[in-house]
N, C-alpha and C. Protein backbone atom coordinates (compact mmCIF):
# COMPACT_ATOMS: atom_id res chain seq x y z
N MET A 1 76.23 1.55 -17.97
CA MET A 1 75.25 1.17 -16.98
C MET A 1 74.08 0.49 -17.70
N SER A 2 73.59 -0.61 -17.13
CA SER A 2 72.49 -1.36 -17.71
C SER A 2 71.24 -1.16 -16.87
N LEU A 3 70.12 -1.10 -17.53
CA LEU A 3 68.84 -0.96 -16.85
C LEU A 3 68.00 -2.19 -17.18
N TYR A 4 67.63 -2.89 -16.17
CA TYR A 4 66.81 -4.08 -16.36
C TYR A 4 65.37 -3.76 -15.97
N ILE A 5 64.47 -4.08 -16.83
CA ILE A 5 63.05 -3.87 -16.56
C ILE A 5 62.40 -5.23 -16.38
N GLN A 6 61.80 -5.40 -15.23
CA GLN A 6 61.14 -6.66 -14.93
C GLN A 6 59.65 -6.40 -14.80
N PRO A 7 58.83 -7.21 -15.46
CA PRO A 7 57.38 -7.01 -15.33
C PRO A 7 56.93 -7.26 -13.89
N TYR A 8 55.85 -6.60 -13.55
CA TYR A 8 55.28 -6.76 -12.21
C TYR A 8 54.84 -8.21 -12.03
N PRO A 9 55.44 -8.95 -11.09
CA PRO A 9 55.18 -10.39 -11.01
C PRO A 9 53.78 -10.76 -10.52
N TYR A 10 53.07 -9.84 -9.91
CA TYR A 10 51.77 -10.19 -9.32
C TYR A 10 50.60 -9.74 -10.18
N ARG A 11 50.85 -9.26 -11.38
CA ARG A 11 49.78 -8.75 -12.23
C ARG A 11 48.73 -9.82 -12.52
N ARG A 12 49.15 -11.00 -12.88
CA ARG A 12 48.19 -12.08 -13.16
C ARG A 12 47.42 -12.48 -11.91
N THR A 13 48.11 -12.52 -10.79
CA THR A 13 47.46 -12.89 -9.53
C THR A 13 46.38 -11.88 -9.17
N LEU A 14 46.67 -10.59 -9.33
CA LEU A 14 45.68 -9.57 -9.02
C LEU A 14 44.48 -9.66 -9.93
N ARG A 15 44.71 -9.92 -11.21
CA ARG A 15 43.57 -10.08 -12.13
C ARG A 15 42.72 -11.28 -11.77
N ARG A 16 43.39 -12.38 -11.41
CA ARG A 16 42.65 -13.59 -11.04
C ARG A 16 41.84 -13.35 -9.77
N LEU A 17 42.43 -12.69 -8.78
CA LEU A 17 41.71 -12.39 -7.55
C LEU A 17 40.53 -11.46 -7.80
N ALA A 18 40.70 -10.49 -8.67
CA ALA A 18 39.60 -9.58 -9.00
C ALA A 18 38.47 -10.34 -9.67
N ALA A 19 38.80 -11.28 -10.55
CA ALA A 19 37.76 -12.07 -11.22
C ALA A 19 37.03 -12.96 -10.22
N GLU A 20 37.76 -13.57 -9.29
CA GLU A 20 37.13 -14.42 -8.29
C GLU A 20 36.27 -13.61 -7.33
N ALA A 21 36.67 -12.39 -7.04
CA ALA A 21 35.93 -11.56 -6.10
C ALA A 21 34.54 -11.23 -6.63
N GLN A 22 34.35 -11.27 -7.92
CA GLN A 22 33.03 -11.00 -8.48
C GLN A 22 32.13 -12.23 -8.45
N ILE A 23 32.69 -13.39 -8.15
CA ILE A 23 31.88 -14.61 -8.12
C ILE A 23 31.39 -14.90 -6.70
N ILE A 24 32.27 -14.82 -5.73
CA ILE A 24 31.91 -15.15 -4.36
C ILE A 24 32.25 -13.98 -3.46
N HIS A 25 31.28 -13.52 -2.70
CA HIS A 25 31.49 -12.43 -1.77
C HIS A 25 31.38 -12.96 -0.36
N PRO A 26 32.39 -12.72 0.46
CA PRO A 26 32.26 -13.18 1.85
C PRO A 26 31.19 -12.37 2.56
N LEU A 27 30.46 -13.03 3.39
CA LEU A 27 29.40 -12.38 4.15
C LEU A 27 29.93 -12.11 5.55
N GLY A 28 30.09 -10.85 5.88
CA GLY A 28 30.56 -10.49 7.21
C GLY A 28 29.42 -10.56 8.21
N VAL A 29 29.70 -11.11 9.37
CA VAL A 29 28.66 -11.27 10.38
C VAL A 29 29.16 -10.79 11.74
N ASN A 30 28.23 -10.43 12.59
CA ASN A 30 28.48 -10.18 14.01
C ASN A 30 27.66 -11.20 14.78
N VAL A 31 28.26 -11.81 15.79
CA VAL A 31 27.54 -12.77 16.64
C VAL A 31 27.75 -12.37 18.09
N ARG A 32 26.65 -12.25 18.83
CA ARG A 32 26.78 -11.98 20.26
C ARG A 32 26.01 -13.07 21.02
N GLU A 33 26.47 -13.32 22.23
CA GLU A 33 25.85 -14.35 23.06
C GLU A 33 25.02 -13.70 24.14
N GLU A 34 23.80 -14.18 24.28
CA GLU A 34 22.93 -13.78 25.37
C GLU A 34 22.75 -15.00 26.27
N ASP A 35 22.00 -14.85 27.35
CA ASP A 35 21.85 -15.96 28.29
C ASP A 35 21.28 -17.22 27.65
N ASP A 36 20.25 -17.05 26.82
CA ASP A 36 19.57 -18.22 26.26
C ASP A 36 19.62 -18.30 24.73
N ALA A 37 20.40 -17.43 24.08
CA ALA A 37 20.44 -17.45 22.61
C ALA A 37 21.68 -16.76 22.09
N TYR A 38 21.96 -17.00 20.82
CA TYR A 38 22.97 -16.25 20.07
C TYR A 38 22.21 -15.34 19.12
N VAL A 39 22.73 -14.15 18.90
CA VAL A 39 22.12 -13.22 17.95
C VAL A 39 23.15 -12.92 16.87
N LEU A 40 22.81 -13.28 15.64
CA LEU A 40 23.70 -13.10 14.50
C LEU A 40 23.16 -11.99 13.61
N SER A 41 24.01 -11.05 13.23
CA SER A 41 23.63 -9.96 12.33
C SER A 41 24.54 -10.00 11.11
N ALA A 42 23.96 -9.81 9.93
CA ALA A 42 24.73 -9.80 8.68
C ALA A 42 24.16 -8.75 7.75
N LEU A 43 25.05 -8.07 7.03
CA LEU A 43 24.61 -7.08 6.05
C LEU A 43 24.26 -7.79 4.74
N VAL A 44 23.04 -7.62 4.29
CA VAL A 44 22.58 -8.19 3.02
C VAL A 44 21.82 -7.13 2.23
N PRO A 45 22.48 -6.04 1.84
CA PRO A 45 21.77 -4.94 1.19
C PRO A 45 21.14 -5.36 -0.12
N GLY A 46 19.90 -4.96 -0.32
CA GLY A 46 19.20 -5.23 -1.56
C GLY A 46 18.57 -6.60 -1.68
N LEU A 47 18.79 -7.48 -0.71
CA LEU A 47 18.21 -8.82 -0.78
C LEU A 47 16.91 -8.87 0.01
N LYS A 48 16.01 -9.71 -0.47
CA LYS A 48 14.74 -9.94 0.21
C LYS A 48 14.78 -11.32 0.87
N ALA A 49 13.78 -11.61 1.66
CA ALA A 49 13.72 -12.88 2.37
C ALA A 49 13.77 -14.07 1.42
N GLU A 50 13.11 -13.95 0.26
CA GLU A 50 13.09 -15.08 -0.68
C GLU A 50 14.42 -15.27 -1.42
N ASP A 51 15.34 -14.31 -1.30
CA ASP A 51 16.65 -14.43 -1.93
C ASP A 51 17.65 -15.19 -1.05
N LEU A 52 17.27 -15.50 0.18
CA LEU A 52 18.19 -16.13 1.13
C LEU A 52 17.73 -17.53 1.50
N ASN A 53 18.70 -18.38 1.80
CA ASN A 53 18.45 -19.74 2.27
C ASN A 53 19.24 -19.91 3.56
N ILE A 54 18.55 -20.13 4.67
CA ILE A 54 19.19 -20.27 5.98
C ILE A 54 18.91 -21.66 6.50
N GLN A 55 19.96 -22.35 6.93
CA GLN A 55 19.81 -23.69 7.47
C GLN A 55 20.53 -23.79 8.81
N VAL A 56 19.93 -24.53 9.74
CA VAL A 56 20.52 -24.75 11.06
C VAL A 56 20.52 -26.25 11.31
N LEU A 57 21.69 -26.78 11.70
CA LEU A 57 21.81 -28.19 12.05
C LEU A 57 22.75 -28.30 13.23
N GLU A 58 22.25 -28.80 14.36
CA GLU A 58 23.00 -28.92 15.60
C GLU A 58 23.60 -27.57 16.00
N ASN A 59 24.91 -27.39 15.85
CA ASN A 59 25.52 -26.12 16.24
C ASN A 59 26.04 -25.34 15.03
N ALA A 60 25.61 -25.70 13.83
CA ALA A 60 26.07 -25.04 12.60
C ALA A 60 24.95 -24.24 11.96
N VAL A 61 25.30 -23.05 11.47
CA VAL A 61 24.36 -22.16 10.78
C VAL A 61 24.93 -21.89 9.40
N SER A 62 24.10 -21.99 8.38
CA SER A 62 24.52 -21.74 7.00
C SER A 62 23.60 -20.69 6.38
N ILE A 63 24.21 -19.67 5.76
CA ILE A 63 23.44 -18.62 5.08
C ILE A 63 23.92 -18.58 3.63
N GLU A 64 22.98 -18.73 2.71
CA GLU A 64 23.29 -18.68 1.28
C GLU A 64 22.40 -17.66 0.60
N GLY A 65 22.91 -17.05 -0.45
CA GLY A 65 22.12 -16.08 -1.19
C GLY A 65 22.79 -15.75 -2.50
N GLU A 66 22.10 -14.93 -3.28
CA GLU A 66 22.67 -14.54 -4.58
C GLU A 66 22.21 -13.14 -4.94
N TYR A 67 23.18 -12.33 -5.35
CA TYR A 67 22.89 -11.02 -5.90
C TYR A 67 22.78 -11.18 -7.41
N LYS A 68 21.67 -10.76 -7.97
CA LYS A 68 21.44 -10.89 -9.40
C LYS A 68 22.28 -9.84 -10.14
N ALA A 69 23.01 -10.28 -11.14
CA ALA A 69 23.84 -9.37 -11.93
C ALA A 69 22.97 -8.72 -13.01
N GLU A 70 23.18 -7.43 -13.19
CA GLU A 70 22.46 -6.72 -14.24
C GLU A 70 23.26 -6.80 -15.54
N GLU A 71 22.56 -6.78 -16.64
CA GLU A 71 23.20 -6.91 -17.95
C GLU A 71 23.64 -5.55 -18.51
N THR A 72 24.03 -4.65 -17.64
CA THR A 72 24.45 -3.32 -18.05
C THR A 72 25.96 -3.23 -17.92
N GLU A 73 26.58 -2.49 -18.82
CA GLU A 73 28.02 -2.29 -18.73
C GLU A 73 28.28 -1.01 -17.94
N TYR A 74 29.16 -1.11 -16.95
CA TYR A 74 29.44 -0.01 -16.06
C TYR A 74 30.87 0.50 -16.26
N LEU A 75 31.10 1.76 -15.95
CA LEU A 75 32.45 2.29 -15.89
C LEU A 75 33.13 1.82 -14.61
N LEU A 76 32.36 1.73 -13.53
CA LEU A 76 32.85 1.26 -12.25
C LEU A 76 31.75 0.42 -11.62
N ASN A 77 32.08 -0.81 -11.22
CA ASN A 77 31.08 -1.72 -10.66
C ASN A 77 31.62 -2.28 -9.34
N GLU A 78 31.20 -1.70 -8.22
CA GLU A 78 31.64 -2.16 -6.91
C GLU A 78 30.53 -2.81 -6.10
N LEU A 79 29.31 -2.76 -6.59
CA LEU A 79 28.22 -3.41 -5.88
C LEU A 79 28.35 -4.92 -6.02
N PRO A 80 27.94 -5.65 -4.99
CA PRO A 80 28.10 -7.11 -5.05
C PRO A 80 27.21 -7.74 -6.12
N ASN A 81 27.74 -8.80 -6.72
CA ASN A 81 26.93 -9.63 -7.62
C ASN A 81 27.45 -11.05 -7.51
N GLY A 82 26.61 -11.98 -7.84
CA GLY A 82 26.99 -13.39 -7.72
C GLY A 82 26.47 -14.00 -6.44
N SER A 83 26.86 -15.22 -6.20
CA SER A 83 26.35 -15.95 -5.04
C SER A 83 27.33 -15.90 -3.89
N PHE A 84 26.81 -16.18 -2.69
CA PHE A 84 27.65 -16.25 -1.51
C PHE A 84 27.13 -17.33 -0.59
N ARG A 85 28.00 -17.81 0.27
CA ARG A 85 27.63 -18.81 1.27
C ARG A 85 28.52 -18.59 2.48
N ARG A 86 27.93 -18.61 3.65
CA ARG A 86 28.69 -18.47 4.88
C ARG A 86 28.17 -19.51 5.86
N ALA A 87 29.08 -20.29 6.42
CA ALA A 87 28.73 -21.30 7.42
C ALA A 87 29.51 -21.02 8.69
N LEU A 88 28.83 -21.12 9.82
CA LEU A 88 29.44 -20.88 11.12
C LEU A 88 29.15 -22.02 12.06
N ARG A 89 30.10 -22.33 12.93
CA ARG A 89 29.87 -23.27 14.02
C ARG A 89 29.85 -22.48 15.31
N LEU A 90 28.80 -22.68 16.08
CA LEU A 90 28.66 -22.00 17.36
C LEU A 90 29.11 -22.94 18.48
N PRO A 91 29.45 -22.38 19.63
CA PRO A 91 29.98 -23.22 20.72
C PRO A 91 29.01 -24.25 21.27
N THR A 92 27.71 -23.99 21.18
CA THR A 92 26.73 -24.93 21.73
C THR A 92 25.66 -25.25 20.68
N GLU A 93 24.91 -26.30 20.95
CA GLU A 93 23.85 -26.73 20.03
C GLU A 93 22.71 -25.72 20.02
N ILE A 94 22.06 -25.60 18.85
CA ILE A 94 20.98 -24.64 18.64
C ILE A 94 19.65 -25.38 18.58
N ASN A 95 18.60 -24.77 19.13
CA ASN A 95 17.24 -25.29 19.01
C ASN A 95 16.69 -24.80 17.66
N ALA A 96 16.74 -25.63 16.64
CA ALA A 96 16.36 -25.22 15.29
C ALA A 96 14.88 -24.82 15.19
N GLU A 97 14.03 -25.37 16.04
CA GLU A 97 12.61 -25.06 15.98
C GLU A 97 12.31 -23.62 16.41
N GLY A 98 13.17 -23.04 17.23
CA GLY A 98 12.91 -21.72 17.77
C GLY A 98 13.66 -20.59 17.08
N VAL A 99 14.34 -20.86 15.98
CA VAL A 99 15.13 -19.84 15.29
C VAL A 99 14.20 -18.80 14.66
N GLU A 100 14.54 -17.53 14.83
CA GLU A 100 13.78 -16.43 14.22
C GLU A 100 14.71 -15.66 13.30
N ALA A 101 14.20 -15.28 12.12
CA ALA A 101 14.98 -14.50 11.15
C ALA A 101 14.19 -13.27 10.74
N LYS A 102 14.87 -12.12 10.69
CA LYS A 102 14.24 -10.86 10.28
C LYS A 102 15.19 -10.11 9.37
N ILE A 103 14.62 -9.39 8.39
CA ILE A 103 15.41 -8.48 7.56
C ILE A 103 14.80 -7.10 7.70
N ALA A 104 15.62 -6.13 8.06
CA ALA A 104 15.17 -4.75 8.16
C ALA A 104 16.31 -3.84 7.71
N GLU A 105 16.03 -3.00 6.75
CA GLU A 105 16.98 -2.01 6.23
C GLU A 105 18.31 -2.64 5.82
N GLY A 106 18.25 -3.79 5.17
CA GLY A 106 19.45 -4.44 4.66
C GLY A 106 20.26 -5.22 5.67
N VAL A 107 19.70 -5.44 6.87
CA VAL A 107 20.40 -6.19 7.90
C VAL A 107 19.58 -7.44 8.24
N LEU A 108 20.21 -8.60 8.10
CA LEU A 108 19.59 -9.87 8.48
C LEU A 108 19.94 -10.12 9.94
N THR A 109 18.92 -10.39 10.75
CA THR A 109 19.13 -10.70 12.17
C THR A 109 18.55 -12.07 12.46
N LEU A 110 19.39 -12.98 12.92
CA LEU A 110 18.96 -14.32 13.31
C LEU A 110 19.05 -14.43 14.82
N THR A 111 17.98 -14.88 15.45
CA THR A 111 17.99 -15.20 16.86
C THR A 111 18.03 -16.71 16.96
N LEU A 112 19.13 -17.23 17.48
CA LEU A 112 19.38 -18.67 17.52
C LEU A 112 19.35 -19.15 18.97
N PRO A 113 18.19 -19.65 19.43
CA PRO A 113 18.10 -20.08 20.83
C PRO A 113 18.96 -21.31 21.10
N LYS A 114 19.59 -21.31 22.24
CA LYS A 114 20.41 -22.46 22.63
C LYS A 114 19.50 -23.64 22.95
N ALA A 115 19.97 -24.83 22.67
CA ALA A 115 19.21 -26.03 23.02
C ALA A 115 19.11 -26.13 24.54
N GLU A 116 18.07 -26.77 25.01
CA GLU A 116 17.83 -26.89 26.46
C GLU A 116 19.03 -27.53 27.15
N SER A 117 19.67 -28.49 26.51
CA SER A 117 20.82 -29.17 27.14
C SER A 117 22.03 -28.24 27.25
N ALA A 118 22.07 -27.16 26.46
CA ALA A 118 23.22 -26.25 26.49
C ALA A 118 23.03 -25.08 27.44
N ARG A 119 21.82 -24.89 27.94
CA ARG A 119 21.56 -23.76 28.84
C ARG A 119 22.01 -24.09 30.26
N PRO A 120 22.55 -23.10 30.94
CA PRO A 120 22.95 -23.36 32.33
C PRO A 120 21.71 -23.56 33.21
N LYS A 121 21.83 -24.45 34.15
CA LYS A 121 20.71 -24.73 35.05
C LYS A 121 21.05 -24.23 36.44
N LYS A 122 20.09 -23.53 37.02
CA LYS A 122 20.28 -23.01 38.38
C LYS A 122 19.82 -24.07 39.37
N ILE A 123 20.69 -24.39 40.28
CA ILE A 123 20.39 -25.43 41.28
C ILE A 123 20.05 -24.74 42.60
N GLN A 124 18.89 -25.08 43.14
CA GLN A 124 18.44 -24.54 44.42
C GLN A 124 19.11 -25.36 45.54
N ILE A 125 19.59 -24.64 46.52
CA ILE A 125 20.22 -25.31 47.67
C ILE A 125 19.21 -25.30 48.82
N SER A 126 18.95 -26.46 49.36
CA SER A 126 18.02 -26.52 50.50
C SER A 126 18.79 -26.40 51.79
N VAL A 127 18.22 -25.66 52.68
CA VAL A 127 18.85 -25.44 53.98
C VAL A 127 18.09 -26.28 55.03
N ASN A 128 18.82 -27.09 55.78
CA ASN A 128 18.18 -27.94 56.81
C ASN A 128 18.19 -27.29 58.15
């Protein structure tokens, strides 16, 4: 009887993915729609307002930031480090002048008001 030993074929792939995961971290977001705005929430633990760059153009929102890496060697390092970028397209155009951003307890909240042209208009019916 012969026994064949084959190396695990995905070992290099897993190492490469682990290395890439330390460079770019996806930013998970929640978006809900209200009558006149979208409200976006994202977890950004440990970041301050000056660590983030938020841009709005038409119906696209972009959030960029960077977690500073410490020069300490760890036995286990699961906290995020490196830069991240997340871009979203919303169904309607955003009024960039009215956007509000807040950070509280590690949660970024963006209030993205819909442009006037995207808001529903109520039409009054006259009765004769």
